[in-house]
Amino acid sequence: MTAKIGSILISGCSSGIGLWCAQRMAEHGWRVFATARKAEDVAMLSELGLEALLLDVADSASISACVAEILLRTDGRLDALFNNAGFGVPGAVEDLSREAMRHQFETNVFGAIELSNAILPVFRKQGFGRLIFNSSVLGFAAMPYRGAYNASKFALEGFADTLRQELHGSGVQVSLIEPGPIQSRFRANAATQFYRWINPTASFHRPSYQIMDERLKKQGPAAPFTLPEQAVLDVLLKALNAKKAAARYRVTTPTIIFWYLKRLLPTRALDRILLAASGDEPGFCYGRRSK
């Protein structure tokens, strides 16, 4: 299969998956519009030689301004959009305020869809385009203490599946990438969000939060089968180059395992496995202390 070269907008390029994909794709000849929400990160991207723009997907005005600037530079064309920007707000569901949940959804869901909707008229006019969402294993297999993030990725997958149906016959292809553990700053960023929104000392879940705090602060991979960012780039390129892109690309062994377990096991059995795999359970089960 001959690799395609074109133009792509990638959100969330300040670090991790977004930064890696932007750099490597630019090296391979793609015209990459690498975006970040902070001016200092845009400056960093520019210093790396990338075509960098400011984009905060939680801000409608920022989305409009960024898309307008890109279309101005490309004479109104774009080949692909990789919705990568996202983060996690850890915490038990009963400790999440409405404001915390809204904060999670503004970027992971509302921002991704609004950015996609801003680009879709261009794709429809062209008669082609690749719309790719960076989801997660937690977009189909929920784990405890990740409720806001789980829900945001479940919602994102619902939107992507609907878009795929609504765009049938348009030439626009929609794909989801579902990574498991990937080397990135995700845990460090999640720790910041946790202490912004959750008061662990006043919670019933304090013992679990102590374990979670250790995991979030751990240096290096915190989970088995963690892969480098290249693993996501590999499937991103598959989604971009395939004549008929897959609806889903599963990355890392845990994602593949849980995909099959969800189809084979009763829900309660899967719950027990997900509780054990989460790494945050200090002997609690369904809200009761185990003896």
Protein backbone atom coordinates (compact mmCIF):
# COMPACT_ATOMS: atom_id res chain seq x y z
CA MET A 1 0.00 0.00 0.00
CA THR A 2 1.44 3.37 -1.02
CA ALA A 3 1.54 5.88 1.80
CA LYS A 4 -0.51 9.01 1.30
CA ILE A 5 0.83 12.47 2.00
CA GLY A 6 -1.45 15.39 2.70
CA SER A 7 -2.45 17.97 5.28
CA ILE A 8 -3.66 17.21 8.79
CA LEU A 9 -4.78 19.18 11.82
CA ILE A 10 -3.80 17.59 15.14
CA SER A 11 -5.15 18.90 18.44
CA GLY A 12 -3.34 18.55 21.76
CA CYS A 13 0.28 18.61 20.56
CA SER A 14 1.95 20.04 23.67
CA SER A 15 3.26 16.60 24.70
CA GLY A 16 2.74 12.86 24.43
CA ILE A 17 0.84 11.33 21.53
CA GLY A 18 0.02 14.62 19.82
CA LEU A 19 3.59 15.92 19.88
CA TRP A 20 5.03 12.61 18.70
CA CYS A 21 2.57 12.23 15.85
CA ALA A 22 3.02 15.82 14.71
CA GLN A 23 6.81 15.56 14.58
CA ARG A 24 6.99 12.17 12.90
CA MET A 25 4.30 12.95 10.31
CA ALA A 26 6.01 16.22 9.40
CA GLU A 27 9.27 14.29 8.94
CA HIS A 28 7.47 11.98 6.51
CA GLY A 29 6.23 14.84 4.36
CA TRP A 30 2.80 15.61 5.78
CA ARG A 31 1.79 19.22 6.18
CA VAL A 32 0.98 19.15 9.88
CA PHE A 33 -0.92 21.87 11.68
CA ALA A 34 0.22 21.20 15.23
CA THR A 35 -1.93 22.93 17.83
CA ALA A 36 -1.84 23.60 21.55
CA ARG A 37 -3.90 25.69 23.94
CA LYS A 38 -1.03 27.58 25.61
CA ALA A 39 1.06 30.22 23.86
CA GLU A 40 4.30 28.83 25.34
CA ASP A 41 3.52 25.39 23.90
CA VAL A 42 2.78 26.90 20.48
CA ALA A 43 6.17 28.62 20.68
CA MET A 44 7.81 25.29 21.56
CA LEU A 45 6.15 23.61 18.58
CA SER A 46 7.33 26.39 16.29
CA GLU A 47 10.90 26.03 17.59
CA LEU A 48 10.70 22.35 16.62
CA GLY A 49 9.99 23.45 13.06
CA LEU A 50 6.29 22.63 13.07
CA GLU A 51 3.51 24.77 11.63
CA ALA A 52 2.01 25.62 15.01
CA LEU A 53 -1.24 27.36 15.92
CA LEU A 54 -3.11 28.22 19.09
CA LEU A 55 -6.14 26.02 19.68
CA ASP A 56 -8.13 25.56 22.88
CA VAL A 57 -10.91 23.11 22.00
CA ALA A 58 -12.80 24.17 25.13
CA ASP A 59 -13.18 27.65 23.60
CA SER A 60 -15.50 28.10 20.61
CA ALA A 61 -13.82 31.33 19.53
CA SER A 62 -10.43 29.61 19.55
CA ILE A 63 -11.79 26.78 17.37
CA SER A 64 -13.25 29.24 14.85
CA ALA A 65 -10.07 31.32 14.68
CA CYS A 66 -7.79 28.29 14.28
CA VAL A 67 -9.87 26.66 11.56
CA ALA A 68 -10.20 29.94 9.67
CA GLU A 69 -6.42 30.45 9.75
CA ILE A 70 -5.71 26.92 8.53
CA LEU A 71 -8.19 27.21 5.65
CA LEU A 72 -6.67 30.56 4.72
CA ARG A 73 -3.24 28.95 4.51
CA THR A 74 -4.48 25.94 2.50
CA ASP A 75 -6.92 27.67 0.13
CA GLY A 76 -9.81 25.99 1.90
CA ARG A 77 -8.58 22.39 1.85
CA LEU A 78 -7.63 19.86 4.51
CA ASP A 79 -7.15 16.11 4.24
CA ALA A 80 -7.52 14.95 7.82
CA LEU A 81 -8.33 15.88 11.40
CA PHE A 82 -6.92 13.97 14.38
CA ASN A 83 -8.91 14.85 17.50
CA ASN A 84 -6.24 14.05 20.06
CA ALA A 85 -6.66 16.74 22.75
CA GLY A 86 -7.89 15.33 26.04
CA PHE A 87 -7.18 14.69 29.70
CA GLY A 88 -8.62 12.83 32.67
CA VAL A 89 -10.33 14.05 35.85
CA PRO A 90 -9.83 11.16 38.31
CA GLY A 91 -12.13 10.56 41.25
CA ALA A 92 -15.08 8.51 42.41
CA VAL A 93 -18.33 9.44 40.72
CA GLU A 94 -19.92 10.43 44.04
CA ASP A 95 -17.13 12.99 44.56
CA LEU A 96 -17.52 14.66 41.16
CA SER A 97 -19.16 18.06 41.09
CA ARG A 98 -21.21 19.19 38.11
CA GLU A 99 -18.45 21.71 37.39
CA ALA A 100 -15.79 18.98 37.35
CA MET A 101 -17.84 16.83 34.97
CA ARG A 102 -18.51 19.80 32.70
CA HIS A 103 -14.79 20.61 32.70
CA GLN A 104 -14.02 17.06 31.58
CA PHE A 105 -16.61 17.04 28.81
CA GLU A 106 -15.77 20.50 27.44
CA THR A 107 -12.45 19.26 26.08
CA ASN A 108 -12.87 15.51 25.59
CA VAL A 109 -16.32 15.62 24.01
CA PHE A 110 -17.78 19.03 23.20
CA GLY A 111 -14.50 20.43 21.91
CA ALA A 112 -13.75 17.42 19.72
CA ILE A 113 -17.21 17.48 18.16
CA GLU A 114 -17.27 21.25 17.66
CA LEU A 115 -13.86 21.12 15.98
CA SER A 116 -15.04 18.23 13.78
CA ASN A 117 -18.20 20.13 12.84
CA ALA A 118 -16.10 23.13 11.85
CA ILE A 119 -14.05 20.97 9.46
CA LEU A 120 -16.81 18.75 8.07
CA PRO A 121 -18.15 21.32 5.54
CA VAL A 122 -14.66 21.37 4.02
CA PHE A 123 -14.56 17.57 3.84
CA ARG A 124 -18.04 17.41 2.30
CA LYS A 125 -17.17 20.01 -0.33
CA GLN A 126 -13.99 18.12 -1.24
CA GLY A 127 -15.77 14.78 -1.26
CA PHE A 128 -13.12 13.25 0.98
CA GLY A 129 -11.48 13.54 4.39
CA ARG A 130 -10.38 11.46 7.34
CA LEU A 131 -11.90 12.22 10.73
CA ILE A 132 -10.06 10.39 13.49
CA PHE A 133 -10.79 10.44 17.23
CA ASN A 134 -8.34 9.41 19.92
CA SER A 135 -10.50 7.44 22.34
CA SER A 136 -9.35 4.85 24.91
CA VAL A 137 -9.83 1.34 26.19
CA LEU A 138 -11.94 3.21 28.76
CA GLY A 139 -14.28 4.18 25.93
CA PHE A 140 -15.81 0.71 26.11
CA ALA A 141 -14.51 -0.84 29.38
CA ALA A 142 -15.08 1.40 32.40
CA MET A 143 -12.76 1.28 35.42
CA PRO A 144 -13.37 2.68 38.92
CA TYR A 145 -12.19 6.18 39.91
CA ARG A 146 -12.16 7.24 36.29
CA GLY A 147 -15.88 7.95 35.93
CA ALA A 148 -15.66 11.36 34.27
CA TYR A 149 -13.03 10.16 31.82
CA ASN A 150 -14.85 6.87 31.16
CA ALA A 151 -18.07 8.75 30.43
CA SER A 152 -16.35 11.27 28.17
CA LYS A 153 -14.81 8.53 26.05
CA PHE A 154 -18.04 6.50 25.95
CA ALA A 155 -19.78 9.68 24.73
CA LEU A 156 -17.06 10.39 22.17
CA GLU A 157 -17.44 6.88 20.77
CA GLY A 158 -21.20 7.38 20.50
CA PHE A 159 -20.70 10.56 18.52
CA ALA A 160 -18.08 8.94 16.27
CA ASP A 161 -20.30 5.95 15.52
CA THR A 162 -23.20 8.27 14.68
CA LEU A 163 -21.01 10.45 12.45
CA ARG A 164 -19.79 7.39 10.59
CA GLN A 165 -23.39 6.53 9.74
CA GLU A 166 -24.40 10.08 8.88
CA LEU A 167 -21.36 10.55 6.63
CA HIS A 168 -21.96 7.33 4.71
CA GLY A 169 -21.48 7.95 1.00
CA SER A 170 -19.87 11.37 1.51
CA GLY A 171 -16.28 10.22 1.02
CA VAL A 172 -15.51 11.18 4.63
CA GLN A 173 -14.26 8.29 6.74
CA VAL A 174 -14.49 8.21 10.54
CA SER A 175 -12.23 6.12 12.76
CA LEU A 176 -11.64 5.68 16.48
CA ILE A 177 -8.23 4.89 17.95
CA GLU A 178 -8.53 3.08 21.29
CA PRO A 179 -5.19 3.07 23.13
CA GLY A 180 -4.48 1.34 26.40
CA PRO A 181 -1.44 2.43 28.45
CA ILE A 182 0.82 4.71 26.37
CA GLN A 183 3.89 6.63 27.51
CA SER A 184 2.79 10.24 27.98
CA ARG A 185 2.15 12.96 30.55
CA PHE A 186 -1.40 11.70 31.06
CA ARG A 187 -0.84 10.60 34.68
CA ALA A 188 0.96 13.80 35.66
CA ASN A 189 -1.83 15.88 34.15
CA ALA A 190 -4.46 13.68 35.83
CA ALA A 191 -2.82 14.26 39.22
CA THR A 192 -3.17 18.01 38.70
CA GLN A 193 -6.84 17.61 37.81
CA PHE A 194 -7.47 15.34 40.79
CA TYR A 195 -6.27 17.86 43.35
CA ARG A 196 -8.10 20.65 41.57
CA TRP A 197 -11.51 18.98 41.79
CA ILE A 198 -11.42 16.34 44.55
CA ASN A 199 -11.03 16.64 48.33
CA PRO A 200 -9.63 13.18 49.16
CA THR A 201 -9.53 13.65 52.94
CA ALA A 202 -13.31 14.20 53.13
CA SER A 203 -14.21 11.23 50.95
CA PHE A 204 -15.40 7.70 51.75
CA HIS A 205 -12.90 6.63 49.08
CA ARG A 206 -9.87 8.05 50.90
CA PRO A 207 -8.04 4.65 51.12
CA SER A 208 -8.39 4.17 47.37
CA TYR A 209 -7.26 7.73 46.75
CA GLN A 210 -4.06 7.06 48.67
CA ILE A 211 -3.28 4.17 46.35
CA MET A 212 -4.28 6.22 43.31
CA ASP A 213 -2.04 9.09 44.42
CA GLU A 214 0.96 6.73 44.48
CA ARG A 215 0.12 5.45 41.01
CA LEU A 216 -0.35 8.93 39.55
CA LYS A 217 2.99 10.10 40.95
CA LYS A 218 4.94 7.03 39.89
CA GLN A 219 7.74 7.71 37.44
CA GLY A 220 7.83 5.63 34.29
CA PRO A 221 5.19 3.14 33.16
CA ALA A 222 2.55 2.48 35.83
CA ALA A 223 0.85 -0.38 34.02
CA PRO A 224 2.01 -3.55 32.27
CA PHE A 225 2.15 -3.58 28.46
CA THR A 226 2.74 0.19 28.26
CA LEU A 227 3.80 1.14 24.74
CA PRO A 228 5.55 4.23 23.33
CA GLU A 229 3.65 6.91 21.41
CA GLN A 230 4.82 5.30 18.17
CA ALA A 231 2.16 2.61 18.66
CA VAL A 232 -0.56 5.23 18.20
CA LEU A 233 1.22 6.81 15.24
CA ASP A 234 1.34 3.42 13.52
CA VAL A 235 -2.43 2.99 13.62
CA LEU A 236 -3.05 6.67 12.84
CA LEU A 237 -1.13 6.17 9.60
CA LYS A 238 -3.14 3.02 8.89
CA ALA A 239 -6.37 4.98 9.32
CA LEU A 240 -5.07 7.70 7.00
CA ASN A 241 -3.67 5.40 4.32
CA ALA A 242 -6.28 2.64 4.15
CA LYS A 243 -8.59 2.69 1.16
CA LYS A 244 -11.37 1.78 3.58
CA ALA A 245 -10.43 2.80 7.10
CA ALA A 246 -11.51 0.60 10.00
CA ALA A 247 -14.10 1.94 12.41
CA ARG A 248 -11.80 1.11 15.34
CA TYR A 249 -8.09 0.58 15.85
CA ARG A 250 -7.19 -1.04 19.18
CA VAL A 251 -3.73 -0.27 20.57
CA THR A 252 -1.91 -2.27 23.30
CA THR A 253 -2.55 -5.75 24.63
CA PRO A 254 -4.96 -4.64 27.42
CA THR A 255 -7.27 -2.97 24.90
CA ILE A 256 -7.44 -6.09 22.75
CA ILE A 257 -7.98 -8.37 25.75
CA PHE A 258 -10.76 -6.26 27.25
CA TRP A 259 -12.44 -5.91 23.86
CA TYR A 260 -12.87 -9.69 23.71
CA LEU A 261 -13.62 -10.13 27.41
CA LYS A 262 -16.48 -7.64 27.14
CA ARG A 263 -18.04 -9.80 24.45
CA LEU A 264 -17.46 -13.13 26.19
CA LEU A 265 -18.01 -12.56 29.89
CA PRO A 266 -21.09 -11.72 31.96
CA THR A 267 -21.06 -8.11 33.13
CA ARG A 268 -20.41 -8.95 36.80
CA ALA A 269 -17.46 -11.15 35.90
CA LEU A 270 -15.97 -8.40 33.77
CA ASP A 271 -16.53 -5.95 36.65
CA ARG A 272 -14.36 -8.06 38.94
CA ILE A 273 -11.55 -8.18 36.39
CA LEU A 274 -11.72 -4.43 35.75
CA LEU A 275 -11.70 -3.72 39.49
CA ALA A 276 -8.57 -5.82 39.90
CA ALA A 277 -6.92 -4.33 36.81
CA SER A 278 -7.56 -0.74 37.90
CA GLY A 279 -4.85 -0.89 40.57
CA ASP A 280 -6.83 1.41 42.87
CA GLU A 281 -8.77 -1.10 44.99
CA PRO A 282 -7.62 -1.34 48.65
CA GLY A 283 -9.96 -4.22 49.55
CA PHE A 284 -13.27 -2.57 48.70
CA CYS A 285 -15.89 -4.30 46.63
CA TYR A 286 -19.11 -2.61 45.50
CA GLY A 287 -18.93 -0.05 48.29
CA ARG A 288 -18.33 -2.51 51.14
CA ARG A 289 -15.10 -3.38 52.91
CA SER A 290 -14.00 -6.92 52.24
CA LYS A 291 -13.11 -8.91 55.36
